[in-house]
C-alpha cells in the first residue's frame, strides 16, 4: 500500500473513528488523548507526515522549524489560531481546519428550538419557575 510509509500523529483526544479509518487505510497512526509538552511534541513530530489536533495543542515556530517530513496539519476545530501559520507556510506545510464541523450541531439546535416553540415549552418553562 502507498499509505504504509505515511505517519500520522493525532493529539488532544481526536475521535476514535478518525483513528480507526486512518489505520484501516494503512497509515501508521500514533494517537494521544492529552496535549503533549513542547519537548515531547518536538521528539514525536520529527518524522511525522501528518498531524491532527484539536484546539489545545499549540504548534509554535520552535516546533515547526524542527520538523523534517511534515506535509499537513489538520485542525479538528473551527480555527487555526494555535498554529504559527507564517512558519508553516515558509516550511511548505499545508494547514486546514474543519470550519463546517459545527454546522450539524447548529442545525440540530435550530430544529430543537422549532420543536420547543411549536410545543410552547417556553411558556411552560415560565409557569414552572
N, C-alpha and C. Protein backbone atom coordinates (compact mmCIF):
# COMPACT_ATOMS: atom_id res chain seq x y z
N UNK A 1 0.83 -1.20 0.00
CA UNK A 1 0.00 0.00 0.00
C UNK A 1 0.86 1.25 0.00
N UNK A 2 0.40 2.27 -0.65
CA UNK A 2 1.12 3.55 -0.69
C UNK A 2 1.14 4.21 0.68
N UNK A 3 0.10 4.02 1.44
CA UNK A 3 -0.03 4.68 2.74
C UNK A 3 0.83 4.07 3.83
N UNK A 4 1.44 2.92 3.58
CA UNK A 4 2.23 2.22 4.60
C UNK A 4 3.32 3.07 5.23
N UNK A 5 3.91 3.96 4.47
CA UNK A 5 5.05 4.74 4.96
C UNK A 5 4.66 6.12 5.49
N UNK A 6 3.38 6.41 5.51
CA UNK A 6 2.93 7.73 5.97
C UNK A 6 2.56 7.64 7.45
N UNK A 7 3.22 8.50 8.24
CA UNK A 7 2.99 8.51 9.69
C UNK A 7 2.08 9.67 10.06
N UNK A 8 1.08 9.35 10.87
CA UNK A 8 0.09 10.34 11.31
C UNK A 8 0.13 10.44 12.83
N UNK A 9 0.15 11.66 13.34
CA UNK A 9 0.11 11.91 14.77
C UNK A 9 -1.17 12.65 15.09
N UNK A 10 -2.02 12.06 15.95
CA UNK A 10 -3.28 12.67 16.35
C UNK A 10 -3.22 13.00 17.83
N UNK A 11 -3.55 14.24 18.17
CA UNK A 11 -3.43 14.72 19.55
C UNK A 11 -4.76 15.27 20.06
N UNK A 12 -4.81 15.51 21.35
CA UNK A 12 -5.96 16.16 22.00
C UNK A 12 -7.24 15.34 21.93
N UNK A 13 -7.11 14.03 22.05
CA UNK A 13 -8.29 13.17 22.12
C UNK A 13 -9.14 13.24 20.85
N UNK A 14 -8.49 13.12 19.72
CA UNK A 14 -9.21 13.08 18.44
C UNK A 14 -10.12 11.84 18.45
N UNK A 15 -11.27 11.96 17.86
CA UNK A 15 -12.27 10.90 17.86
C UNK A 15 -11.69 9.56 17.39
N UNK A 16 -12.07 8.50 18.07
CA UNK A 16 -11.59 7.15 17.76
C UNK A 16 -11.94 6.75 16.33
N UNK A 17 -13.03 7.25 15.79
CA UNK A 17 -13.41 6.91 14.42
C UNK A 17 -12.34 7.36 13.42
N UNK A 18 -11.75 8.52 13.66
CA UNK A 18 -10.67 9.01 12.78
C UNK A 18 -9.47 8.07 12.85
N UNK A 19 -9.14 7.65 14.05
CA UNK A 19 -8.01 6.72 14.24
C UNK A 19 -8.28 5.42 13.50
N UNK A 20 -9.49 4.89 13.65
CA UNK A 20 -9.86 3.62 13.01
C UNK A 20 -9.80 3.72 11.49
N UNK A 21 -10.34 4.80 10.94
CA UNK A 21 -10.37 4.97 9.48
C UNK A 21 -8.95 5.06 8.92
N UNK A 22 -8.12 5.88 9.54
CA UNK A 22 -6.75 6.03 9.07
C UNK A 22 -5.96 4.73 9.18
N UNK A 23 -6.17 4.00 10.26
CA UNK A 23 -5.48 2.72 10.45
C UNK A 23 -5.92 1.72 9.39
N UNK A 24 -7.23 1.66 9.14
CA UNK A 24 -7.75 0.75 8.11
C UNK A 24 -7.22 1.08 6.72
N UNK A 25 -6.96 2.35 6.48
CA UNK A 25 -6.42 2.77 5.18
C UNK A 25 -4.92 2.50 5.07
N UNK A 26 -4.30 2.03 6.14
CA UNK A 26 -2.90 1.64 6.09
C UNK A 26 -1.91 2.66 6.63
N UNK A 27 -2.39 3.77 7.16
CA UNK A 27 -1.49 4.77 7.72
C UNK A 27 -0.94 4.29 9.06
N UNK A 28 0.27 4.72 9.40
CA UNK A 28 0.84 4.45 10.71
C UNK A 28 0.36 5.54 11.65
N UNK A 29 -0.57 5.21 12.53
CA UNK A 29 -1.22 6.21 13.38
C UNK A 29 -0.72 6.10 14.82
N UNK A 30 -0.35 7.26 15.36
CA UNK A 30 0.01 7.37 16.77
C UNK A 30 -0.93 8.42 17.35
N UNK A 31 -1.69 8.05 18.38
CA UNK A 31 -2.69 8.96 18.93
C UNK A 31 -2.52 9.12 20.44
N UNK A 32 -2.76 10.34 20.89
CA UNK A 32 -2.67 10.67 22.32
C UNK A 32 -3.92 11.44 22.72
N UNK A 33 -4.46 11.11 23.87
CA UNK A 33 -5.65 11.81 24.33
C UNK A 33 -5.33 13.15 24.98
N UNK A 34 -4.09 13.31 25.41
CA UNK A 34 -3.72 14.55 26.09
C UNK A 34 -2.90 15.45 25.16
N UNK A 35 -2.68 16.66 25.63
CA UNK A 35 -1.81 17.61 24.94
C UNK A 35 -0.38 17.33 25.39
N UNK A 36 0.54 17.24 24.45
CA UNK A 36 1.92 16.95 24.77
C UNK A 36 2.69 18.24 25.03
N UNK A 37 3.69 18.16 25.90
CA UNK A 37 4.53 19.32 26.15
C UNK A 37 5.35 19.61 24.89
N UNK A 38 5.91 20.80 24.81
CA UNK A 38 6.66 21.19 23.61
C UNK A 38 7.83 20.26 23.35
N UNK A 39 8.57 19.89 24.38
CA UNK A 39 9.73 19.00 24.21
C UNK A 39 9.31 17.62 23.69
N UNK A 40 8.27 17.08 24.28
CA UNK A 40 7.78 15.76 23.86
C UNK A 40 7.23 15.85 22.43
N UNK A 41 6.52 16.91 22.15
CA UNK A 41 5.96 17.09 20.81
C UNK A 41 7.06 17.20 19.75
N UNK A 42 8.11 17.91 20.05
CA UNK A 42 9.24 18.03 19.11
C UNK A 42 9.83 16.65 18.84
N UNK A 43 9.98 15.84 19.86
CA UNK A 43 10.53 14.49 19.69
C UNK A 43 9.59 13.60 18.87
N UNK A 44 8.29 13.72 19.10
CA UNK A 44 7.30 12.89 18.40
C UNK A 44 7.10 13.31 16.95
N UNK A 45 7.12 14.60 16.69
CA UNK A 45 6.74 15.14 15.39
C UNK A 45 7.87 15.08 14.36
N UNK A 46 9.07 14.75 14.81
CA UNK A 46 10.27 14.78 13.97
C UNK A 46 10.08 14.08 12.62
N UNK A 47 9.57 12.84 12.62
CA UNK A 47 9.42 12.07 11.39
C UNK A 47 7.96 11.86 10.98
N UNK A 48 7.08 12.71 11.44
CA UNK A 48 5.65 12.60 11.15
C UNK A 48 5.34 13.33 9.85
N UNK A 49 4.41 12.79 9.06
CA UNK A 49 3.98 13.41 7.81
C UNK A 49 2.72 14.26 7.98
N UNK A 50 1.82 13.80 8.86
CA UNK A 50 0.53 14.49 9.05
C UNK A 50 0.25 14.61 10.55
N UNK A 51 -0.26 15.77 10.96
CA UNK A 51 -0.64 15.98 12.35
C UNK A 51 -2.11 16.40 12.39
N UNK A 52 -2.86 15.80 13.30
CA UNK A 52 -4.25 16.18 13.53
C UNK A 52 -4.39 16.63 14.97
N UNK A 53 -4.91 17.83 15.15
CA UNK A 53 -5.04 18.38 16.50
C UNK A 53 -6.42 18.98 16.72
N UNK A 54 -6.74 19.18 17.98
CA UNK A 54 -7.89 19.99 18.33
C UNK A 54 -7.34 21.31 18.85
N UNK A 55 -8.08 22.04 19.62
CA UNK A 55 -7.68 23.41 19.96
C UNK A 55 -6.64 23.54 21.07
N UNK A 56 -6.31 22.48 21.79
CA UNK A 56 -5.39 22.62 22.92
C UNK A 56 -3.91 22.66 22.52
N UNK A 57 -3.52 21.86 21.54
CA UNK A 57 -2.12 21.78 21.14
C UNK A 57 -1.71 23.04 20.39
N UNK A 58 -0.57 23.59 20.78
CA UNK A 58 -0.01 24.77 20.11
C UNK A 58 1.19 24.33 19.27
N UNK A 59 1.15 24.61 17.99
CA UNK A 59 2.27 24.30 17.11
C UNK A 59 3.00 25.61 16.83
N UNK A 60 4.02 25.85 17.63
CA UNK A 60 4.75 27.11 17.60
C UNK A 60 5.85 27.09 16.53
N UNK A 61 6.45 28.24 16.34
CA UNK A 61 7.57 28.38 15.40
C UNK A 61 8.69 27.42 15.78
N UNK A 62 8.99 27.35 17.06
CA UNK A 62 10.04 26.47 17.56
C UNK A 62 9.80 25.01 17.16
N UNK A 63 8.56 24.56 17.25
CA UNK A 63 8.22 23.19 16.90
C UNK A 63 8.29 23.00 15.38
N UNK A 64 7.67 23.90 14.64
CA UNK A 64 7.58 23.75 13.19
C UNK A 64 8.93 23.84 12.49
N UNK A 65 9.87 24.54 13.07
CA UNK A 65 11.20 24.63 12.46
C UNK A 65 12.00 23.34 12.64
N UNK A 66 11.56 22.47 13.53
CA UNK A 66 12.29 21.23 13.80
C UNK A 66 11.73 20.01 13.06
N UNK A 67 10.65 20.18 12.31
CA UNK A 67 10.07 19.04 11.57
C UNK A 67 10.87 18.77 10.32
N UNK A 68 10.88 17.52 9.90
CA UNK A 68 11.61 17.13 8.70
C UNK A 68 10.67 16.74 7.56
N UNK A 69 9.60 16.02 7.89
CA UNK A 69 8.75 15.43 6.86
C UNK A 69 7.30 15.93 6.87
N UNK A 70 6.98 16.83 7.78
CA UNK A 70 5.59 17.25 7.95
C UNK A 70 5.05 17.92 6.69
N UNK A 71 3.93 17.40 6.19
CA UNK A 71 3.30 17.91 4.98
C UNK A 71 2.01 18.65 5.26
N UNK A 72 1.28 18.20 6.28
CA UNK A 72 -0.06 18.74 6.51
C UNK A 72 -0.40 18.73 8.00
N UNK A 73 -1.13 19.79 8.40
CA UNK A 73 -1.67 19.89 9.76
C UNK A 73 -3.17 20.05 9.60
N UNK A 74 -3.92 19.17 10.25
CA UNK A 74 -5.37 19.26 10.22
C UNK A 74 -5.88 19.64 11.60
N UNK A 75 -6.67 20.70 11.64
CA UNK A 75 -7.24 21.17 12.90
C UNK A 75 -8.69 20.70 12.97
N UNK A 76 -8.98 19.83 13.91
CA UNK A 76 -10.34 19.35 14.08
C UNK A 76 -11.09 20.31 15.00
N UNK A 77 -11.14 21.56 14.59
CA UNK A 77 -11.80 22.63 15.33
C UNK A 77 -12.10 23.76 14.34
N UNK A 78 -12.63 24.86 14.83
CA UNK A 78 -13.10 25.90 13.92
C UNK A 78 -12.04 26.89 13.47
N UNK A 79 -10.87 26.90 14.09
CA UNK A 79 -9.87 27.88 13.66
C UNK A 79 -8.47 27.27 13.66
N UNK A 80 -7.52 28.08 13.25
CA UNK A 80 -6.12 27.64 13.18
C UNK A 80 -5.22 28.55 14.01
N UNK A 81 -5.78 29.24 14.97
CA UNK A 81 -5.02 30.23 15.76
C UNK A 81 -3.94 29.60 16.62
N UNK A 82 -3.99 28.31 16.86
CA UNK A 82 -2.98 27.65 17.69
C UNK A 82 -1.76 27.21 16.89
N UNK A 83 -1.70 27.60 15.62
CA UNK A 83 -0.58 27.23 14.75
C UNK A 83 0.10 28.50 14.25
N UNK A 84 1.42 28.49 14.24
CA UNK A 84 2.16 29.61 13.66
C UNK A 84 2.08 29.45 12.13
N UNK A 85 1.08 30.09 11.55
CA UNK A 85 0.80 29.94 10.12
C UNK A 85 1.92 30.48 9.24
N UNK A 86 2.56 31.53 9.68
CA UNK A 86 3.65 32.11 8.90
C UNK A 86 4.80 31.10 8.75
N UNK A 87 5.16 30.46 9.86
CA UNK A 87 6.22 29.46 9.82
C UNK A 87 5.78 28.23 9.03
N UNK A 88 4.54 27.81 9.23
CA UNK A 88 4.03 26.65 8.48
C UNK A 88 4.10 26.91 6.98
N UNK A 89 3.71 28.11 6.57
CA UNK A 89 3.76 28.47 5.15
C UNK A 89 5.20 28.46 4.64
N UNK A 90 6.11 29.03 5.42
CA UNK A 90 7.51 29.06 4.99
C UNK A 90 8.12 27.66 4.91
N UNK A 91 7.58 26.72 5.69
CA UNK A 91 8.05 25.34 5.66
C UNK A 91 7.29 24.50 4.62
N UNK A 92 6.37 25.14 3.89
CA UNK A 92 5.54 24.46 2.87
C UNK A 92 4.65 23.38 3.49
N UNK A 93 4.13 23.68 4.68
CA UNK A 93 3.21 22.77 5.37
C UNK A 93 1.79 23.30 5.15
N UNK A 94 0.92 22.44 4.63
CA UNK A 94 -0.47 22.82 4.41
C UNK A 94 -1.22 22.72 5.73
N UNK A 95 -2.00 23.76 6.03
CA UNK A 95 -2.80 23.79 7.25
C UNK A 95 -4.26 23.97 6.85
N UNK A 96 -5.13 23.13 7.41
CA UNK A 96 -6.56 23.31 7.16
C UNK A 96 -7.34 22.95 8.40
N UNK A 97 -8.57 23.39 8.43
CA UNK A 97 -9.44 23.08 9.56
C UNK A 97 -10.80 22.63 9.04
N UNK A 98 -11.61 22.13 9.95
CA UNK A 98 -12.96 21.71 9.59
C UNK A 98 -13.93 22.81 10.00
N UNK A 99 -13.90 23.89 9.25
CA UNK A 99 -14.70 25.06 9.61
C UNK A 99 -16.20 24.78 9.57
N UNK A 100 -16.60 23.73 8.89
CA UNK A 100 -18.02 23.39 8.84
C UNK A 100 -18.35 22.27 9.82
N UNK A 101 -17.43 21.94 10.67
CA UNK A 101 -17.60 20.84 11.61
C UNK A 101 -18.76 21.03 12.57
N UNK A 102 -19.10 22.28 12.86
CA UNK A 102 -20.17 22.54 13.82
C UNK A 102 -21.51 22.84 13.14
N UNK A 103 -21.55 22.77 11.83
CA UNK A 103 -22.80 23.06 11.10
C UNK A 103 -23.91 22.12 11.51
N UNK A 104 -23.58 20.85 11.70
CA UNK A 104 -24.60 19.88 12.10
C UNK A 104 -25.17 20.23 13.46
N UNK A 105 -24.30 20.62 14.39
CA UNK A 105 -24.76 20.99 15.73
C UNK A 105 -25.69 22.20 15.69
N UNK A 106 -25.37 23.16 14.85
CA UNK A 106 -26.22 24.34 14.71
C UNK A 106 -27.57 23.94 14.13
N UNK A 107 -27.57 23.09 13.12
CA UNK A 107 -28.83 22.63 12.53
C UNK A 107 -29.67 21.88 13.54
N UNK A 108 -29.03 21.03 14.36
CA UNK A 108 -29.75 20.29 15.39
C UNK A 108 -30.37 21.24 16.42
N UNK A 109 -29.64 22.28 16.79
CA UNK A 109 -30.16 23.25 17.75
C UNK A 109 -31.37 23.98 17.18
N UNK A 110 -31.29 24.39 15.92
CA UNK A 110 -32.41 25.09 15.29
C UNK A 110 -33.65 24.20 15.26
N UNK A 111 -33.48 22.95 14.89
CA UNK A 111 -34.62 22.02 14.85
C UNK A 111 -35.20 21.84 16.25
N UNK A 112 -34.33 21.70 17.25
CA UNK A 112 -34.81 21.55 18.63
C UNK A 112 -35.59 22.78 19.08
N UNK A 113 -35.10 23.98 18.72
CA UNK A 113 -35.79 25.22 19.08
C UNK A 113 -37.16 25.29 18.39
N UNK A 114 -37.23 24.87 17.15
CA UNK A 114 -38.52 24.88 16.43
C UNK A 114 -39.51 23.96 17.14
N UNK A 115 -39.06 22.78 17.54
CA UNK A 115 -39.93 21.84 18.24
C UNK A 115 -40.37 22.43 19.57
N UNK A 116 -39.44 23.05 20.31
CA UNK A 116 -39.78 23.66 21.59
C UNK A 116 -40.82 24.77 21.42
N UNK A 117 -40.64 25.60 20.41
CA UNK A 117 -41.60 26.68 20.17
C UNK A 117 -42.96 26.14 19.75
N UNK A 118 -42.97 25.12 18.92
CA UNK A 118 -44.24 24.57 18.45
C UNK A 118 -45.02 23.88 19.57
N UNK A 119 -44.33 23.46 20.62
CA UNK A 119 -44.99 22.80 21.76
C UNK A 119 -45.12 23.74 22.95
N UNK A 120 -44.83 25.00 22.75
CA UNK A 120 -44.97 26.03 23.78
C UNK A 120 -44.15 25.75 25.04
N UNK A 121 -43.01 25.13 24.87
CA UNK A 121 -42.15 24.79 26.00
C UNK A 121 -41.73 26.04 26.76
N UNK A 122 -41.48 27.13 26.04
CA UNK A 122 -41.05 28.36 26.71
C UNK A 122 -42.11 28.86 27.68
N UNK A 123 -43.39 28.77 27.29
CA UNK A 123 -44.48 29.19 28.19
C UNK A 123 -44.56 28.29 29.42
N UNK A 124 -44.45 26.99 29.20
CA UNK A 124 -44.50 26.06 30.31
C UNK A 124 -43.30 26.25 31.26
N UNK A 125 -42.16 26.56 30.69
CA UNK A 125 -40.96 26.79 31.49
C UNK A 125 -41.15 27.99 32.41
N UNK A 126 -41.74 29.07 31.88
CA UNK A 126 -42.00 30.26 32.69
C UNK A 126 -42.99 29.95 33.82
N UNK A 127 -44.05 29.19 33.51
CA UNK A 127 -45.04 28.85 34.53
C UNK A 127 -44.45 27.98 35.64
N UNK A 128 -43.57 27.08 35.27
CA UNK A 128 -42.97 26.19 36.25
C UNK A 128 -42.09 26.98 37.22
N UNK A 129 -41.37 27.98 36.70
CA UNK A 129 -40.49 28.74 37.56
C UNK A 129 -41.26 29.78 38.35
